Amino acid sequence: MGAAALCLAAAAQSFADSGTAHKSAYCGTDGATGLAVSATGNVSCGAALQAAAAYTKAWHGTAAKPVQVRRAGTTWQCQERPGDPNPYQACVDTQDHTRLITLSS
């Protein structure tokens, strides 16, 4: 099963190194891509769906370059990340790296 998640390399690294298990909540599907949207930390599903939609509109043609989007009062840094076996998309709150949004297939 392929996965897609939205995030910066440094943010993802600091998130992964925190040693704290964070629960992820399924929020629904992104209308443009059909990918499942999940939120980690205290990200509301409404904010996650808004940020995911803004990112999927902006990511086309950006390759793996980071893209910033501002939704729900937060600036999110988003980009494609390598995955095993498939790459994914991840967005992280630029002020609080425990707030993460992922997209998955």
PDB file of N, CA and C in Angstrom:
ATOM      1  N   MET A   1       0.847  -1.177   0.000  1.00  0.00           N
ATOM      2  CA  MET A   1       0.000   0.000   0.000  1.00  0.00           C
ATOM      3  C   MET A   1       0.884   1.228   0.000  1.00  0.00           C
ATOM      4  N   GLY A   2       0.705   2.120  -0.946  1.00  0.00           N
ATOM      5  CA  GLY A   2       1.502   3.336  -1.020  1.00  0.00           C
ATOM      6  C   GLY A   2       1.069   4.313   0.049  1.00  0.00           C
ATOM      7  N   ALA A   3       1.993   5.150   0.439  1.00  0.00           N
ATOM      8  CA  ALA A   3       1.662   6.161   1.446  1.00  0.00           C
ATOM      9  C   ALA A   3       2.067   7.518   0.943  1.00  0.00           C
ATOM     10  N   ALA A   4       1.303   8.508   1.309  1.00  0.00           N
ATOM     11  CA  ALA A   4       1.638   9.876   0.955  1.00  0.00           C
ATOM     12  C   ALA A   4       1.539  10.712   2.214  1.00  0.00           C
ATOM     13  N   ALA A   5       2.514  11.520   2.489  1.00  0.00           N
ATOM     14  CA  ALA A   5       2.502  12.373   3.673  1.00  0.00           C
ATOM     15  C   ALA A   5       3.187  13.681   3.364  1.00  0.00           C
ATOM     16  N   LEU A   6       2.946  14.724   4.093  1.00  0.00           N
ATOM     17  CA  LEU A   6       3.454  16.058   3.830  1.00  0.00           C
ATOM     18  C   LEU A   6       4.420  16.521   4.925  1.00  0.00           C
ATOM     19  N   CYS A   7       5.740  16.895   4.611  1.00  0.00           N
ATOM     20  CA  CYS A   7       6.653  17.309   5.692  1.00  0.00           C
ATOM     21  C   CYS A   7       8.032  17.747   5.240  1.00  0.00           C
ATOM     22  N   LEU A   8       8.722  18.529   6.035  1.00  0.00           N
ATOM     23  CA  LEU A   8      10.117  18.929   5.827  1.00  0.00           C
ATOM     24  C   LEU A   8      11.046  17.846   6.340  1.00  0.00           C
ATOM     25  N   ALA A   9      12.204  17.727   5.729  1.00  0.00           N
ATOM     26  CA  ALA A   9      13.165  16.714   6.167  1.00  0.00           C
ATOM     27  C   ALA A   9      13.562  16.936   7.612  1.00  0.00           C
ATOM     28  N   ALA A  10      13.945  18.138   7.958  1.00  0.00           N
ATOM     29  CA  ALA A  10      14.376  18.425   9.325  1.00  0.00           C
ATOM     30  C   ALA A  10      13.231  18.232  10.309  1.00  0.00           C
ATOM     31  N   ALA A  11      12.065  18.688   9.936  1.00  0.00           N
ATOM     32  CA  ALA A  11      10.913  18.537  10.818  1.00  0.00           C
ATOM     33  C   ALA A  11      10.568  17.070  11.002  1.00  0.00           C
ATOM     34  N   ALA A  12      10.603  16.330   9.929  1.00  0.00           N
ATOM     35  CA  ALA A  12      10.301  14.905  10.027  1.00  0.00           C
ATOM     36  C   ALA A  12      11.330  14.210  10.896  1.00  0.00           C
ATOM     37  N   GLN A  13      12.583  14.591  10.745  1.00  0.00           N
ATOM     38  CA  GLN A  13      13.638  13.987  11.545  1.00  0.00           C
ATOM     39  C   GLN A  13      13.428  14.301  13.022  1.00  0.00           C
ATOM     40  N   SER A  14      13.162  15.568  13.356  1.00  0.00           N
ATOM     41  CA  SER A  14      12.977  15.920  14.759  1.00  0.00           C
ATOM     42  C   SER A  14      11.732  15.249  15.319  1.00  0.00           C
ATOM     43  N   PHE A  15      10.687  15.106  14.489  1.00  0.00           N
ATOM     44  CA  PHE A  15       9.474  14.412  14.906  1.00  0.00           C
ATOM     45  C   PHE A  15       9.791  12.951  15.194  1.00  0.00           C
ATOM     46  N   ALA A  16      10.514  12.322  14.287  1.00  0.00           N
ATOM     47  CA  ALA A  16      10.842  10.904  14.440  1.00  0.00           C
ATOM     48  C   ALA A  16      11.774  10.676  15.626  1.00  0.00           C
ATOM     49  N   ASP A  17      12.656  11.628  15.906  1.00  0.00           N
ATOM     50  CA  ASP A  17      13.624  11.470  16.984  1.00  0.00           C
ATOM     51  C   ASP A  17      13.061  11.816  18.348  1.00  0.00           C
ATOM     52  N   SER A  18      11.842  12.316  18.416  1.00  0.00           N
ATOM     53  CA  SER A  18      11.303  12.771  19.693  1.00  0.00           C
ATOM     54  C   SER A  18      11.090  11.616  20.668  1.00  0.00           C
ATOM     55  N   GLY A  19      10.954  10.398  20.145  1.00  0.00           N
ATOM     56  CA  GLY A  19      10.760   9.248  21.013  1.00  0.00           C
ATOM     57  C   GLY A  19       9.340   9.166  21.570  1.00  0.00           C
ATOM     58  N   THR A  20       8.482  10.088  21.172  1.00  0.00           N
ATOM     59  CA  THR A  20       7.112  10.117  21.657  1.00  0.00           C
ATOM     60  C   THR A  20       6.192   9.589  20.565  1.00  0.00           C
ATOM     61  N   ALA A  21       5.370   8.641  20.932  1.00  0.00           N
ATOM     62  CA  ALA A  21       4.414   8.116  19.960  1.00  0.00           C
ATOM     63  C   ALA A  21       3.236   9.078  19.878  1.00  0.00           C
ATOM     64  N   HIS A  22       2.925   9.519  18.678  1.00  0.00           N
ATOM     65  CA  HIS A  22       1.813  10.422  18.459  1.00  0.00           C
ATOM     66  C   HIS A  22       0.714   9.675  17.717  1.00  0.00           C
ATOM     67  N   LYS A  23      -0.509   9.814  18.195  1.00  0.00           N
ATOM     68  CA  LYS A  23      -1.632   9.167  17.534  1.00  0.00           C
ATOM     69  C   LYS A  23      -2.066   9.982  16.336  1.00  0.00           C
ATOM     70  N   SER A  24      -2.438   9.281  15.290  1.00  0.00           N
ATOM     71  CA  SER A  24      -2.888   9.906  14.061  1.00  0.00           C
ATOM     72  C   SER A  24      -4.378   9.643  13.895  1.00  0.00           C
ATOM     73  N   ALA A  25      -5.109  10.683  13.487  1.00  0.00           N
ATOM     74  CA  ALA A  25      -6.549  10.547  13.265  1.00  0.00           C
ATOM     75  C   ALA A  25      -6.843  10.657  11.778  1.00  0.00           C
ATOM     76  N   TYR A  26      -7.655   9.748  11.259  1.00  0.00           N
ATOM     77  CA  TYR A  26      -8.099   9.816   9.872  1.00  0.00           C
ATOM     78  C   TYR A  26      -9.144  10.926   9.766  1.00  0.00           C
ATOM     79  N   CYS A  27      -8.960  11.822   8.783  1.00  0.00           N
ATOM     80  CA  CYS A  27      -9.845  12.990   8.657  1.00  0.00           C
ATOM     81  C   CYS A  27     -10.750  12.960   7.432  1.00  0.00           C
ATOM     82  N   GLY A  28     -10.455  12.153   6.454  1.00  0.00           N
ATOM     83  CA  GLY A  28     -11.252  12.124   5.236  1.00  0.00           C
ATOM     84  C   GLY A  28     -10.345  12.077   4.021  1.00  0.00           C
ATOM     85  N   THR A  29     -10.907  12.415   2.867  1.00  0.00           N
ATOM     86  CA  THR A  29     -10.154  12.337   1.610  1.00  0.00           C
ATOM     87  C   THR A  29      -9.977  13.708   0.997  1.00  0.00           C
ATOM     88  N   ASP A  30      -8.800  13.922   0.420  1.00  0.00           N
ATOM     89  CA  ASP A  30      -8.542  15.141  -0.331  1.00  0.00           C
ATOM     90  C   ASP A  30      -9.336  15.062  -1.629  1.00  0.00           C
ATOM     91  N   GLY A  31     -10.132  16.087  -1.906  1.00  0.00           N
ATOM     92  CA  GLY A  31     -11.006  16.073  -3.072  1.00  0.00           C
ATOM     93  C   GLY A  31     -10.276  16.038  -4.402  1.00  0.00           C
ATOM     94  N   ALA A  32      -9.104  16.661  -4.497  1.00  0.00           N
ATOM     95  CA  ALA A  32      -8.375  16.740  -5.765  1.00  0.00           C
ATOM     96  C   ALA A  32      -7.628  15.453  -6.087  1.00  0.00           C
ATOM     97  N   THR A  33      -7.111  14.779  -5.069  1.00  0.00           N
ATOM     98  CA  THR A  33      -6.260  13.615  -5.319  1.00  0.00           C
ATOM     99  C   THR A  33      -6.888  12.286  -4.915  1.00  0.00           C
ATOM    100  N   GLY A  34      -7.886  12.332  -4.053  1.00  0.00           N
ATOM    101  CA  GLY A  34      -8.476  11.098  -3.544  1.00  0.00           C
ATOM    102  C   GLY A  34      -7.634  10.443  -2.468  1.00  0.00           C
ATOM    103  N   LEU A  35      -6.564  11.114  -2.031  1.00  0.00           N
ATOM    104  CA  LEU A  35      -5.709  10.551  -0.993  1.00  0.00           C
ATOM    105  C   LEU A  35      -6.342  10.740   0.384  1.00  0.00           C
ATOM    106  N   ALA A  36      -6.109   9.787   1.262  1.00  0.00           N
ATOM    107  CA  ALA A  36      -6.599   9.873   2.633  1.00  0.00           C
ATOM    108  C   ALA A  36      -5.767  10.903   3.395  1.00  0.00           C
ATOM    109  N   VAL A  37      -6.436  11.722   4.183  1.00  0.00           N
ATOM    110  CA  VAL A  37      -5.778  12.762   4.974  1.00  0.00           C
ATOM    111  C   VAL A  37      -5.862  12.378   6.442  1.00  0.00           C
ATOM    112  N   SER A  38      -4.708  12.408   7.123  1.00  0.00           N
ATOM    113  CA  SER A  38      -4.644  12.123   8.556  1.00  0.00           C
ATOM    114  C   SER A  38      -3.935  13.270   9.253  1.00  0.00           C
ATOM    115  N   ALA A  39      -4.222  13.421  10.536  1.00  0.00           N
ATOM    116  CA  ALA A  39      -3.620  14.491  11.330  1.00  0.00           C
ATOM    117  C   ALA A  39      -3.011  13.914  12.599  1.00  0.00           C
ATOM    118  N   THR A  40      -1.873  14.463  12.982  1.00  0.00           N
ATOM    119  CA  THR A  40      -1.162  14.051  14.188  1.00  0.00           C
ATOM    120  C   THR A  40      -0.971  15.282  15.062  1.00  0.00           C
ATOM    121  N   GLY A  41      -0.904  15.077  16.366  1.00  0.00           N
ATOM    122  CA  GLY A  41      -0.784  16.208  17.272  1.00  0.00           C
ATOM    123  C   GLY A  41      -2.164  16.793  17.491  1.00  0.00           C
ATOM    124  N   ASN A  42      -2.234  18.069  17.763  1.00  0.00           N
ATOM    125  CA  ASN A  42      -3.533  18.686  18.019  1.00  0.00           C
ATOM    126  C   ASN A  42      -4.085  19.376  16.779  1.00  0.00           C
ATOM    127  N   VAL A  43      -3.819  18.828  15.596  1.00  0.00           N
ATOM    128  CA  VAL A  43      -4.341  19.368  14.342  1.00  0.00           C
ATOM    129  C   VAL A  43      -5.789  18.911  14.183  1.00  0.00           C
ATOM    130  N   SER A  44      -6.693  19.863  14.008  1.00  0.00           N
ATOM    131  CA  SER A  44      -8.091  19.482  13.786  1.00  0.00           C
ATOM    132  C   SER A  44      -8.234  18.907  12.379  1.00  0.00           C
ATOM    133  N   CYS A  45      -9.223  18.087  12.187  1.00  0.00           N
ATOM    134  CA  CYS A  45      -9.457  17.519  10.859  1.00  0.00           C
ATOM    135  C   CYS A  45      -9.799  18.612   9.852  1.00  0.00           C
ATOM    136  N   GLY A  46     -10.517  19.624  10.270  1.00  0.00           N
ATOM    137  CA  GLY A  46     -10.832  20.729   9.369  1.00  0.00           C
ATOM    138  C   GLY A  46      -9.573  21.415   8.867  1.00  0.00           C
ATOM    139  N   ALA A  47      -8.637  21.682   9.777  1.00  0.00           N
ATOM    140  CA  ALA A  47      -7.363  22.315   9.399  1.00  0.00           C
ATOM    141  C   ALA A  47      -6.546  21.392   8.503  1.00  0.00           C
ATOM    142  N   ALA A  48      -6.545  20.102   8.814  1.00  0.00           N
ATOM    143  CA  ALA A  48      -5.784  19.135   8.015  1.00  0.00           C
ATOM    144  C   ALA A  48      -6.312  19.075   6.587  1.00  0.00           C
ATOM    145  N   LEU A  49      -7.614  19.023   6.429  1.00  0.00           N
ATOM    146  CA  LEU A  49      -8.210  18.955   5.094  1.00  0.00           C
ATOM    147  C   LEU A  49      -7.964  20.246   4.312  1.00  0.00           C
ATOM    148  N   GLN A  50      -8.021  21.393   4.982  1.00  0.00           N
ATOM    149  CA  GLN A  50      -7.750  22.671   4.320  1.00  0.00           C
ATOM    150  C   GLN A  50      -6.299  22.754   3.854  1.00  0.00           C
ATOM    151  N   ALA A  51      -5.361  22.384   4.724  1.00  0.00           N
ATOM    152  CA  ALA A  51      -3.941  22.445   4.373  1.00  0.00           C
ATOM    153  C   ALA A  51      -3.608  21.439   3.270  1.00  0.00           C
ATOM    154  N   ALA A  52      -4.170  20.246   3.345  1.00  0.00           N
ATOM    155  CA  ALA A  52      -3.927  19.232   2.313  1.00  0.00           C
ATOM    156  C   ALA A  52      -4.438  19.721   0.960  1.00  0.00           C
ATOM    157  N   ALA A  53      -5.622  20.323   0.937  1.00  0.00           N
ATOM    158  CA  ALA A  53      -6.187  20.836  -0.319  1.00  0.00           C
ATOM    159  C   ALA A  53      -5.320  21.947  -0.902  1.00  0.00           C
ATOM    160  N   ALA A  54      -4.839  22.838  -0.046  1.00  0.00           N
ATOM    161  CA  ALA A  54      -3.974  23.927  -0.524  1.00  0.00           C
ATOM    162  C   ALA A  54      -2.672  23.367  -1.083  1.00  0.00           C
ATOM    163  N   TYR A  55      -2.117  22.386  -0.413  1.00  0.00           N
ATOM    164  CA  TYR A  55      -0.868  21.784  -0.882  1.00  0.00           C
ATOM    165  C   TYR A  55      -1.056  21.036  -2.194  1.00  0.00           C
ATOM    166  N   THR A  56      -2.117  20.251  -2.322  1.00  0.00           N
ATOM    167  CA  THR A  56      -2.291  19.486  -3.560  1.00  0.00           C
ATOM    168  C   THR A  56      -2.508  20.406  -4.756  1.00  0.00           C
ATOM    169  N   LYS A  57      -3.043  21.599  -4.532  1.00  0.00           N
ATOM    170  CA  LYS A  57      -3.167  22.574  -5.620  1.00  0.00           C
ATOM    171  C   LYS A  57      -1.802  23.138  -6.002  1.00  0.00           C
ATOM    172  N   ALA A  58      -0.910  23.280  -5.029  1.00  0.00           N
ATOM    173  CA  ALA A  58       0.384  23.940  -5.245  1.00  0.00           C
ATOM    174  C   ALA A  58       1.513  22.979  -5.617  1.00  0.00           C
ATOM    175  N   TRP A  59       1.406  21.690  -5.323  1.00  0.00           N
ATOM    176  CA  TRP A  59       2.555  20.799  -5.456  1.00  0.00           C
ATOM    177  C   TRP A  59       2.891  20.426  -6.895  1.00  0.00           C
ATOM    178  N   HIS A  60       1.945  20.481  -7.804  1.00  0.00           N
ATOM    179  CA  HIS A  60       2.194  20.057  -9.183  1.00  0.00           C
ATOM    180  C   HIS A  60       3.308  20.887  -9.811  1.00  0.00           C
ATOM    181  N   GLY A  61       4.304  20.202 -10.368  1.00  0.00           N
ATOM    182  CA  GLY A  61       5.427  20.861 -11.016  1.00  0.00           C
ATOM    183  C   GLY A  61       6.529  21.287 -10.068  1.00  0.00           C
ATOM    184  N   THR A  62       6.410  20.944  -8.785  1.00  0.00           N
ATOM    185  CA  THR A  62       7.432  21.355  -7.828  1.00  0.00           C
ATOM    186  C   THR A  62       8.447  20.251  -7.554  1.00  0.00           C
ATOM    187  N   ALA A  63       8.291  19.107  -8.192  1.00  0.00           N
ATOM    188  CA  ALA A  63       9.139  17.934  -7.932  1.00  0.00           C
ATOM    189  C   ALA A  63       9.107  17.659  -6.432  1.00  0.00           C
ATOM    190  N   ALA A  64      10.263  17.501  -5.816  1.00  0.00           N
ATOM    191  CA  ALA A  64      10.313  17.219  -4.376  1.00  0.00           C
ATOM    192  C   ALA A  64      10.648  18.470  -3.579  1.00  0.00           C
ATOM    193  N   LYS A  65      10.540  19.638  -4.204  1.00  0.00           N
ATOM    194  CA  LYS A  65      10.859  20.892  -3.513  1.00  0.00           C
ATOM    195  C   LYS A  65       9.799  21.203  -2.460  1.00  0.00           C
ATOM    196  N   PRO A  66      10.224  21.781  -1.335  1.00  0.00           N
ATOM    197  CA  PRO A  66       9.256  22.170  -0.306  1.00  0.00           C
ATOM    198  C   PRO A  66       8.310  23.265  -0.798  1.00  0.00           C
ATOM    199  N   VAL A  67       7.091  23.217  -0.325  1.00  0.00           N
ATOM    200  CA  VAL A  67       6.076  24.203  -0.645  1.00  0.00           C
ATOM    201  C   VAL A  67       5.467  24.676   0.671  1.00  0.00           C
ATOM    202  N   GLN A  68       5.349  25.991   0.846  1.00  0.00           N
ATOM    203  CA  GLN A  68       4.676  26.507   2.031  1.00  0.00           C
ATOM    204  C   GLN A  68       3.251  26.896   1.674  1.00  0.00           C
ATOM    205  N   VAL A  69       2.317  26.516   2.543  1.00  0.00           N
ATOM    206  CA  VAL A  69       0.932  26.931   2.404  1.00  0.00           C
ATOM    207  C   VAL A  69       0.472  27.476   3.753  1.00  0.00           C
ATOM    208  N   ARG A  70      -0.415  28.443   3.699  1.00  0.00           N
ATOM    209  CA  ARG A  70      -0.977  29.002   4.932  1.00  0.00           C
ATOM    210  C   ARG A  70      -2.471  28.735   4.935  1.00  0.00           C
ATOM    211  N   ARG A  71      -2.895  27.945   5.910  1.00  0.00           N
ATOM    212  CA  ARG A  71      -4.311  27.612   6.074  1.00  0.00           C
ATOM    213  C   ARG A  71      -4.605  27.451   7.552  1.00  0.00           C
ATOM    214  N   ALA A  72      -5.830  27.790   7.923  1.00  0.00           N
ATOM    215  CA  ALA A  72      -6.315  27.614   9.293  1.00  0.00           C
ATOM    216  C   ALA A  72      -5.389  28.301  10.301  1.00  0.00           C
ATOM    217  N   GLY A  73      -4.861  29.476   9.921  1.00  0.00           N
ATOM    218  CA  GLY A  73      -4.024  30.250  10.826  1.00  0.00           C
ATOM    219  C   GLY A  73      -2.620  29.713  11.044  1.00  0.00           C
ATOM    220  N   THR A  74      -2.195  28.773  10.220  1.00  0.00           N
ATOM    221  CA  THR A  74      -0.891  28.131  10.392  1.00  0.00           C
ATOM    222  C   THR A  74      -0.149  28.094   9.069  1.00  0.00           C
ATOM    223  N   THR A  75       1.170  28.258   9.124  1.00  0.00           N
ATOM    224  CA  THR A  75       1.998  28.051   7.939  1.00  0.00           C
ATOM    225  C   THR A  75       2.517  26.621   7.999  1.00  0.00           C
ATOM    226  N   TRP A  76       2.278  25.897   6.913  1.00  0.00           N
ATOM    227  CA  TRP A  76       2.660  24.488   6.800  1.00  0.00           C
ATOM    228  C   TRP A  76       3.772  24.365   5.769  1.00  0.00           C
ATOM    229  N   GLN A  77       4.804  23.620   6.088  1.00  0.00           N
ATOM    230  CA  GLN A  77       5.878  23.312   5.140  1.00  0.00           C
ATOM    231  C   GLN A  77       5.618  21.892   4.645  1.00  0.00           C
ATOM    232  N   CYS A  78       5.440  21.754   3.342  1.00  0.00           N
ATOM    233  CA  CYS A  78       5.020  20.482   2.767  1.00  0.00           C
ATOM    234  C   CYS A  78       5.987  20.029   1.679  1.00  0.00           C
ATOM    235  N   GLN A  79       6.154  18.729   1.549  1.00  0.00           N
ATOM    236  CA  GLN A  79       6.931  18.184   0.449  1.00  0.00           C
ATOM    237  C   GLN A  79       6.839  16.674   0.389  1.00  0.00           C
ATOM    238  N   GLU A  80       7.298  16.156  -0.744  1.00  0.00           N
ATOM    239  CA  GLU A  80       7.375  14.709  -0.914  1.00  0.00           C
ATOM    240  C   GLU A  80       8.539  14.175  -0.108  1.00  0.00           C
ATOM    241  N   ARG A  81       8.334  13.026   0.490  1.00  0.00           N
ATOM    242  CA  ARG A  81       9.359  12.357   1.293  1.00  0.00           C
ATOM    243  C   ARG A  81       9.572  10.950   0.751  1.00  0.00           C
ATOM    244  N   PRO A  82      10.783  10.426   0.866  1.00  0.00           N
ATOM    245  CA  PRO A  82      10.998   9.037   0.432  1.00  0.00           C
ATOM    246  C   PRO A  82      10.269   8.089   1.378  1.00  0.00           C
ATOM    247  N   GLY A  83       9.741   7.037   0.845  1.00  0.00           N
ATOM    248  CA  GLY A  83       9.066   6.039   1.668  1.00  0.00           C
ATOM    249  C   GLY A  83       9.471   4.656   1.230  1.00  0.00           C
ATOM    250  N   ASP A  84       9.018   3.664   1.951  1.00  0.00           N
ATOM    251  CA  ASP A  84       9.348   2.292   1.615  1.00  0.00           C
ATOM    252  C   ASP A  84       8.044   1.504   1.503  1.00  0.00           C
ATOM    253  N   PRO A  85       7.562   1.219   0.334  1.00  0.00           N
ATOM    254  CA  PRO A  85       8.249   1.284  -0.952  1.00  0.00           C
ATOM    255  C   PRO A  85       7.975   2.573  -1.735  1.00  0.00           C
ATOM    256  N   ASN A  86       6.932   3.336  -1.392  1.00  0.00           N
ATOM    257  CA  ASN A  86       6.536   4.486  -2.198  1.00  0.00           C
ATOM    258  C   ASN A  86       6.829   5.805  -1.494  1.00  0.00           C
ATOM    259  N   PRO A  87       7.106   6.851  -2.271  1.00  0.00           N
ATOM    260  CA  PRO A  87       7.236   8.174  -1.648  1.00  0.00           C
ATOM    261  C   PRO A  87       5.885   8.619  -1.094  1.00  0.00           C
ATOM    262  N   TYR A  88       5.902   9.580  -0.207  1.00  0.00           N
ATOM    263  CA  TYR A  88       4.672  10.091   0.388  1.00  0.00           C
ATOM    264  C   TYR A  88       4.770  11.605   0.525  1.00  0.00           C
ATOM    265  N   GLN A  89       3.687  12.249   0.912  1.00  0.00           N
ATOM    266  CA  GLN A  89       3.629  13.693   1.110  1.00  0.00           C
ATOM    267  C   GLN A  89       3.363  13.971   2.585  1.00  0.00           C
ATOM    268  N   ALA A  90       3.980  15.028   3.101  1.00  0.00           N
ATOM    269  CA  ALA A  90       3.759  15.407   4.500  1.00  0.00           C
ATOM    270  C   ALA A  90       3.826  16.921   4.642  1.00  0.00           C
ATOM    271  N   CYS A  91       3.035  17.454   5.549  1.00  0.00           N
ATOM    272  CA  CYS A  91       3.079  18.883   5.900  1.00  0.00           C
ATOM    273  C   CYS A  91       3.269  18.974   7.408  1.00  0.00           C
ATOM    274  N   VAL A  92       4.154  19.860   7.804  1.00  0.00           N
ATOM    275  CA  VAL A  92       4.394  20.066   9.220  1.00  0.00           C
ATOM    276  C   VAL A  92       4.197  21.544   9.548  1.00  0.00           C
ATOM    277  N   ASP A  93       3.642  21.817  10.701  1.00  0.00           N
ATOM    278  CA  ASP A  93       3.480  23.177  11.198  1.00  0.00           C
ATOM    279  C   ASP A  93       4.877  23.758  11.396  1.00  0.00           C
ATOM    280  N   THR A  94       5.150  24.912  10.802  1.00  0.00           N
ATOM    281  CA  THR A  94       6.498  25.494  10.886  1.00  0.00           C
ATOM    282  C   THR A  94       6.842  25.962  12.296  1.00  0.00           C
ATOM    283  N   GLN A  95       5.855  26.115  13.164  1.00  0.00           N
ATOM    284  CA  GLN A  95       6.101  26.559  14.542  1.00  0.00           C
ATOM    285  C   GLN A  95       6.053  25.428  15.560  1.00  0.00           C
ATOM    286  N   ASP A  96       5.446  24.307  15.211  1.00  0.00           N
ATOM    287  CA  ASP A  96       5.285  23.191  16.150  1.00  0.00           C
ATOM    288  C   ASP A  96       5.376  21.885  15.371  1.00  0.00           C
ATOM    289  N   HIS A  97       6.556  21.282  15.386  1.00  0.00           N
ATOM    290  CA  HIS A  97       6.810  20.093  14.569  1.00  0.00           C
ATOM    291  C   HIS A  97       6.071  18.843  15.018  1.00  0.00           C
ATOM    292  N   THR A  98       5.325  18.909  16.110  1.00  0.00           N
ATOM    293  CA  THR A  98       4.506  17.758  16.495  1.00  0.00           C
ATOM    294  C   THR A  98       3.173  17.770  15.758  1.00  0.00           C
ATOM    295  N   ARG A  99       2.866  18.875  15.089  1.00  0.00           N
ATOM    296  CA  ARG A  99       1.622  19.007  14.305  1.00  0.00           C
ATOM    297  C   ARG A  99       1.905  18.611  12.877  1.00  0.00           C
ATOM    298  N   LEU A 100       1.438  17.442  12.473  1.00  0.00           N
ATOM    299  CA  LEU A 100       1.772  16.842  11.191  1.00  0.00           C
ATOM    300  C   LEU A 100       0.509  16.410  10.464  1.00  0.00           C
ATOM    301  N   ILE A 101       0.521  16.625   9.152  1.00  0.00           N
ATOM    302  CA  ILE A 101      -0.574  16.175   8.279  1.00  0.00           C
ATOM    303  C   ILE A 101       0.027  15.224   7.262  1.00  0.00           C
ATOM    304  N   THR A 102      -0.625  14.108   7.031  1.00  0.00           N
ATOM    305  CA  THR A 102      -0.158  13.149   6.045  1.00  0.00           C
ATOM    306  C   THR A 102      -1.258  12.835   5.054  1.00  0.00           C
ATOM    307  N   LEU A 103      -0.835  12.497   3.837  1.00  0.00           N
ATOM    308  CA  LEU A 103      -1.748  12.009   2.812  1.00  0.00           C
ATOM    309  C   LEU A 103      -1.303  10.614   2.424  1.00  0.00           C
ATOM    310  N   SER A 104      -2.236   9.699   2.302  1.00  0.00           N
ATOM    311  CA  SER A 104      -1.862   8.327   1.952  1.00  0.00           C
ATOM    312  C   SER A 104      -2.878   7.706   0.996  1.00  0.00           C
ATOM    313  N   SER A 105      -2.380   6.711   0.256  1.00  0.00           N
ATOM    314  CA  SER A 105      -3.267   6.006  -0.661  1.00  0.00           C
ATOM    315  C   SER A 105      -3.631   4.654  -0.093  1.00  0.00           C
TER     316      SER A 105
END
